[in-house]
Protein backbone atom coordinates (compact mmCIF):
# COMPACT_ATOMS: atom_id res chain seq x y z
CA MET A 1 -2.20 -3.19 -3.78
CA ASP A 2 -4.04 -6.77 -2.46
CA ILE A 3 -2.61 -9.66 -3.71
CA SER A 4 -3.67 -13.39 -2.72
CA TRP A 5 -3.99 -16.64 -4.76
CA ASN A 6 -7.83 -16.02 -5.14
CA HIS A 7 -7.30 -12.64 -6.35
CA ALA A 8 -4.68 -13.83 -8.61
CA LEU A 9 -6.59 -16.51 -10.14
CA ILE A 10 -9.77 -14.23 -10.17
CA THR A 11 -7.92 -11.48 -11.68
CA ALA A 12 -6.37 -13.78 -14.40
CA PHE A 13 -9.67 -15.20 -15.50
CA LEU A 14 -11.48 -11.94 -15.58
CA SER A 15 -8.60 -10.78 -17.69
CA GLY A 16 -8.60 -13.77 -20.23
CA LEU A 17 -12.60 -13.78 -20.17
CA PHE A 18 -12.42 -9.90 -20.88
CA VAL A 19 -9.90 -9.91 -24.08
CA GLY A 20 -12.02 -12.92 -25.77
CA LEU A 21 -15.29 -11.43 -25.46
CA PHE A 22 -14.13 -7.70 -26.47
CA LEU A 23 -12.71 -9.22 -29.56
CA ILE A 24 -15.86 -11.27 -30.19
CA VAL A 25 -18.25 -8.69 -29.50
CA PHE A 26 -16.40 -5.93 -31.13
CA GLN A 27 -13.89 -7.23 -33.72
CA PRO A 28 -11.60 -4.34 -33.64
CA PHE A 29 -9.11 -3.24 -35.95
CA GLY A 30 -10.49 -4.69 -39.10
CA LEU A 31 -11.45 -8.07 -38.01
CA SER A 32 -15.10 -7.50 -38.58
CA ALA A 33 -14.39 -7.39 -42.21
CA ALA A 34 -12.16 -10.51 -42.26
CA ASP A 35 -13.48 -14.18 -42.13
CA TRP A 36 -12.20 -17.54 -41.93
CA GLU A 37 -13.17 -20.91 -40.38
CA HIS A 38 -12.91 -20.96 -36.80
CA LYS A 39 -13.15 -17.21 -36.32
CA THR A 40 -15.02 -17.11 -32.94
CA ARG A 41 -12.73 -20.10 -31.51
CA ASP A 42 -9.57 -18.35 -32.26
CA LEU A 43 -10.83 -14.72 -31.19
CA ALA A 44 -11.65 -16.52 -28.29
CA SER A 45 -8.40 -18.08 -27.46
CA TYR A 46 -6.57 -14.55 -27.08
CA GLY A 47 -7.88 -14.55 -23.68
CA ILE A 48 -5.33 -17.52 -22.73
CA PRO A 49 -2.16 -15.65 -22.82
CA SER A 50 -3.68 -12.79 -21.05
CA PHE A 51 -4.75 -15.47 -18.60
CA VAL A 52 -1.11 -16.63 -18.37
CA VAL A 53 0.70 -13.62 -18.40
CA VAL A 54 -1.68 -11.86 -15.45
CA LEU A 55 -1.37 -15.15 -13.28
CA MET A 56 2.33 -15.81 -13.67
CA VAL A 57 3.09 -12.07 -12.77
CA ASN A 58 0.92 -12.22 -9.76
CA ALA A 59 1.91 -15.61 -8.55
CA ILE A 60 5.61 -14.23 -8.50
CA LEU A 61 4.50 -10.89 -6.74
CA LEU A 62 3.02 -13.53 -4.28
CA VAL A 63 5.95 -15.26 -3.96
CA VAL A 64 8.58 -12.45 -3.41
CA GLY A 65 5.80 -10.82 -1.06
CA THR A 66 5.57 -7.11 -2.33
CA GLY A 67 2.87 -5.13 -3.97
CA ALA A 68 1.05 -4.29 -0.37
CA GLN A 69 2.23 -1.14 0.09
CA TRP A 70 2.44 0.32 -3.77
CA LYS A 71 1.50 3.74 -4.65
CA VAL A 72 -0.81 4.34 -7.42
CA TRP A 73 2.06 5.41 -9.87
CA GLN A 74 3.65 1.78 -8.86
CA VAL A 75 0.31 0.28 -9.71
CA CYS A 76 0.12 1.78 -13.14
CA LEU A 77 3.79 0.61 -13.84
CA PHE A 78 2.97 -2.72 -12.81
CA PHE A 79 -0.21 -2.89 -15.48
CA VAL A 80 2.14 -1.06 -18.02
CA THR A 81 4.51 -4.08 -17.49
CA ILE A 82 1.63 -6.66 -18.15
CA LEU A 83 0.43 -4.90 -20.96
CA ILE A 84 4.31 -5.51 -22.58
CA LEU A 85 4.39 -9.06 -21.73
CA ILE A 86 0.94 -9.83 -22.68
CA THR A 87 1.85 -8.18 -26.10
CA GLY A 88 4.95 -10.42 -26.50
CA ALA A 89 2.49 -13.28 -25.48
CA ASN A 90 -0.32 -12.42 -28.20
CA ALA A 91 2.47 -12.06 -30.79
CA LEU A 92 3.60 -15.41 -30.35
CA TRP A 93 0.25 -16.53 -29.85
CA GLY A 94 -0.93 -15.41 -33.05
CA ALA A 95 2.27 -16.44 -34.87
CA TRP A 96 1.64 -20.01 -33.80
CA LEU A 97 -2.20 -19.76 -34.09
CA PHE A 98 -1.76 -18.37 -37.75
CA ASP A 99 1.37 -19.96 -38.99
CA GLU A 100 3.02 -16.89 -39.47
CA CYS A 101 6.49 -15.64 -38.68
CA CYS A 102 6.60 -13.01 -35.74
CA ASN A 103 8.71 -9.87 -36.71
CA TRP A 104 9.06 -6.63 -35.19
CA SER A 105 6.38 -5.15 -37.33
CA SER A 106 4.05 -7.66 -36.08
CA VAL A 107 4.84 -6.86 -32.70
CA SER A 108 4.69 -3.12 -32.27
CA THR A 109 1.35 -3.41 -34.23
CA MET A 110 0.13 -6.18 -31.46
CA LEU A 111 1.34 -3.77 -28.57
CA ILE A 112 -1.19 -0.66 -30.25
CA GLN A 113 -3.80 -3.16 -30.07
CA THR A 114 -3.23 -4.55 -26.76
CA VAL A 115 -2.67 -0.98 -25.19
CA SER A 116 -5.85 0.04 -26.91
CA ILE A 117 -7.97 -2.88 -25.64
CA GLY A 118 -6.33 -2.82 -21.88
CA PHE A 119 -6.37 1.09 -21.30
CA PHE A 120 -9.56 1.46 -19.81
CA PRO A 121 -9.68 -2.06 -17.72
CA ILE A 122 -6.63 -0.74 -16.30
CA VAL A 123 -7.54 2.88 -15.32
CA GLY A 124 -11.09 1.05 -13.88
CA THR A 125 -9.09 -1.19 -11.75
CA VAL A 126 -6.60 1.74 -10.23
CA ALA A 127 -9.35 3.83 -9.19
CA TYR A 128 -11.36 0.82 -8.03
CA GLN A 129 -8.36 0.07 -5.87
CA ARG A 130 -7.94 3.21 -4.74
CA MET A 131 -11.44 4.04 -3.56
CA ARG A 132 -11.36 0.59 -1.71
CA PHE A 133 -8.68 1.25 0.16
CA VAL A 134 -10.00 4.77 0.94
CA HIS A 135 -13.18 3.20 1.98
CA ARG A 136 -11.53 0.45 4.43
CA HIS A 137 -9.04 3.03 5.95
CA GLU A 138 -12.15 5.55 6.69
CA GLY A 139 -14.02 2.68 8.37
CA VAL A 140 -10.77 2.03 10.41
CA ALA A 141 -10.22 5.59 11.15
CA GLU A 142 -13.72 6.16 12.46
CA ASP A 143 -13.48 3.21 15.19
CA LEU A 144 -10.23 4.51 16.32
CA ASN A 145 -11.94 8.14 16.52
CA THR A 146 -14.78 7.04 18.58
CA ARG A 147 -12.16 5.14 21.04
CA ILE A 148 -10.08 8.08 21.29
CA PHE A 149 -13.55 10.38 22.41
CA LEU A 150 -14.22 7.62 24.72
CA ASN A 151 -11.11 7.37 26.47
CA ALA A 152 -11.10 11.22 26.56
CA GLU A 153 -14.49 11.39 28.26
CA THR A 154 -13.81 8.43 30.58
CA GLN A 155 -10.23 9.39 31.71
CA PRO A 156 -10.04 13.06 31.68
CA ASN A 157 -7.17 13.26 33.91
CA ARG A 158 -4.80 10.93 31.58
CA ALA A 159 -3.55 11.35 28.26
CA ALA A 160 -6.06 9.40 25.82
CA ASP A 161 -4.27 6.75 24.31
CA PRO A 162 -6.46 5.23 21.64
CA VAL A 163 -5.61 1.94 21.43
CA ALA A 164 -3.59 0.40 24.67
CA SER A 165 -5.58 0.18 28.23
CA GLY A 166 -4.06 -0.86 31.14
CA VAL A 167 -0.81 0.03 30.53
CA PRO A 168 1.87 -1.41 33.17
CA ALA A 169 4.31 1.17 34.52
CA VAL A 170 7.24 1.89 32.62
CA PRO A 171 10.31 4.09 32.75
CA ASN A 172 9.43 7.91 32.37
CA VAL A 173 12.31 8.77 30.68
CA ILE A 174 14.43 7.10 28.06
CA ARG A 175 17.90 8.00 26.82
CA LEU A 176 18.10 7.58 23.19
CA THR A 177 21.56 7.15 21.71
CA GLY A 178 23.17 7.62 18.45
CA GLU A 179 26.29 6.36 16.57
CA ASN A 180 28.40 9.47 16.86
CA ARG A 181 30.52 9.85 19.89
CA GLY A 182 28.73 11.38 23.15
CA GLU A 183 25.22 11.57 21.21
CA SER A 184 22.38 11.08 23.35
CA LEU A 185 18.95 12.83 24.12
CA ASP A 186 17.03 12.07 27.55
CA VAL A 187 13.04 11.88 26.66
CA ILE A 188 10.16 12.04 28.81
CA ARG A 189 7.41 9.87 27.75
CA GLU A 190 4.71 13.02 28.35
CA SER A 191 6.80 14.87 25.88
CA PHE A 192 7.33 12.80 23.27
CA TYR A 193 5.61 12.72 19.90
CA PHE A 194 7.38 10.92 17.15
CA VAL A 195 10.58 9.99 15.67
CA GLU A 196 11.00 9.95 11.69
CA ALA A 197 13.58 8.23 9.74
CA SER A 198 15.68 10.23 7.13
CA ALA A 199 18.69 8.16 5.45
CA ASN A 200 21.14 7.30 8.24
CA TYR A 201 19.56 9.62 10.94
CA VAL A 202 16.44 10.09 12.82
CA GLU A 203 14.39 13.18 14.21
CA VAL A 204 13.03 13.15 17.51
CA VAL A 205 10.26 15.39 18.14
CA TRP A 206 9.29 16.40 21.47
CA LYS A 207 7.98 19.43 23.52
CA SER A 208 9.89 21.43 25.86
CA PRO A 209 8.84 22.22 29.37
CA ASP A 210 8.18 25.70 27.83
CA GLY A 211 5.79 23.96 25.24
CA LYS A 212 8.52 24.36 22.35
CA ILE A 213 8.29 21.91 19.84
CA ILE A 214 11.82 20.20 19.38
CA ARG A 215 13.21 18.37 16.62
CA THR A 216 16.91 16.57 17.77
CA MET A 217 18.67 14.83 15.11
CA LEU A 218 20.71 11.46 15.70
CA ARG A 219 22.77 9.49 13.70
CA ALA A 220 21.13 6.43 14.20
CA PRO A 221 18.71 3.72 11.98
CA LEU A 222 14.84 3.55 12.91
CA LYS A 223 15.39 0.13 13.86
CA ALA A 224 18.22 0.78 16.82
CA ILE A 225 15.79 3.89 18.19
CA GLU A 226 12.90 1.74 17.94
CA ALA A 227 14.52 -1.27 20.38
CA GLN A 228 15.41 1.65 22.53
CA MET A 229 12.42 2.39 23.11
CA ASP A 230 11.13 -0.90 23.46
CA ASP A 231 10.03 -0.32 27.40
CA TRP A 232 7.25 2.51 26.18
CA ASN A 233 5.58 -0.29 23.74
CA PRO A 234 2.63 -0.62 23.04
CA THR A 235 2.38 3.40 23.70
CA VAL A 236 5.17 4.12 21.43
CA VAL A 237 4.85 1.76 18.47
CA ARG A 238 5.94 1.85 14.60
CA CYS A 239 3.24 2.64 12.48
CA HIS A 240 5.16 3.22 9.14
CA ARG A 241 8.55 2.23 8.05
CA SER A 242 9.97 5.62 8.58
CA PHE A 243 7.75 6.58 11.90
CA LEU A 244 7.59 5.89 15.41
CA VAL A 245 4.60 7.55 17.34
CA ASN A 246 3.30 8.08 20.62
CA ARG A 247 -0.34 6.79 20.43
CA SER A 248 -1.12 8.85 23.50
CA LYS A 249 -0.71 11.74 21.30
CA VAL A 250 -3.24 10.77 18.85
CA ARG A 251 -6.29 13.23 18.45
CA ARG A 252 -8.07 12.41 15.06
CA ALA A 253 -7.54 9.77 12.62
CA GLU A 254 -8.14 10.16 8.72
CA GLY A 255 -8.31 7.30 6.37
CA ASN A 256 -6.91 7.50 2.91
CA ALA A 257 -5.72 5.34 -0.28
CA LEU A 258 -2.17 4.91 1.39
CA GLY A 259 -3.54 4.13 5.13
CA LEU A 260 -3.98 6.94 7.97
CA THR A 261 -3.27 10.35 8.98
CA LEU A 262 -2.81 10.98 12.26
CA SER A 263 -3.36 14.44 13.65
CA LEU A 264 -1.27 14.85 17.30
CA ASP A 265 -2.35 16.92 19.95
CA GLU A 266 0.17 19.84 18.69
CA PRO A 267 -1.89 20.87 15.69
CA SER A 268 1.15 21.52 13.25
CA LEU A 269 1.89 17.89 13.78
CA SER A 270 0.77 14.79 12.24
CA VAL A 271 2.21 11.45 11.19
CA PRO A 272 1.10 8.92 8.34
CA VAL A 273 0.00 5.22 9.32
CA SER A 274 0.93 2.99 6.19
CA ARG A 275 -1.13 0.36 5.33
CA THR A 276 0.86 -2.65 6.63
CA TYR A 277 0.81 -0.99 9.95
CA VAL A 278 -3.01 0.13 9.89
CA ARG A 279 -4.28 -3.53 11.52
CA GLU A 280 -1.41 -3.54 14.33
CA PHE A 281 -1.63 0.27 15.34
CA ALA A 282 -5.44 0.37 15.26
CA GLY A 283 -6.04 -2.79 17.41
CA VAL A 284 -8.74 -3.58 14.55
CA ARG A 285 -10.47 -6.98 15.16
CA GLY A 286 -12.76 -9.00 12.42
CA ARG A 287 -12.14 -6.37 9.78
CA LYS A 288 -10.19 -6.91 6.87
CA VAL A 289 -7.93 -3.90 6.39
């Protein structure tokens, strides 16, 4: 989920505006039958708690620096949390506005009302966010696929690297070492596909001389393996918090809400690129990702 200060302010303002206008226009929950002085002003003022809560939560996320890699369920949980906070804020606002006591009965009633009003905007926002990410990443994948094709056409005798060009001479073999005694693996650059992290281990995927795909487990954090393979950068790069990939093995990219999916030159192998690494991996310039 994209969050910036402009996004935080606009989202907070629109949230407050929606709540105020909704209450004024539709007057749900029996409000249309009630009448009191400054009714329109009081109903519109319920947009203030929504504005404050949404702005505050987004500001916290900006300071903490999280949210960029959220999945759909995490975004939904985020909005549910906002609804609960808005419920409490609305209950306190109503108690102050009408000089009434705030109790559990009023809070539970307010929760039902807040969820009823906020459900459809939340569903719409989640769907919009997902569609926006899909559109962005499909565009990046299209650009990347074009470069893969052009590299394959112009350099038929060389493994196509979709991003890097003019790679200087580097060691053809790198020895990867694990934390266990005597644990090591000599990897040839042309046969290496990717590394996947799992807990305290990594799985190195490579092709043997007879064409078989081999998966070798080493006890080591991905960060340590990445450092050991630094001589192969930028051909071998981090593309996900759990993956390193050999970009010269990429044959096609597909965009989705979470980033990209890379199909490698071995049909059974694919690797994800998370949103955090899309720009760096694809070498995108002038496109917001």
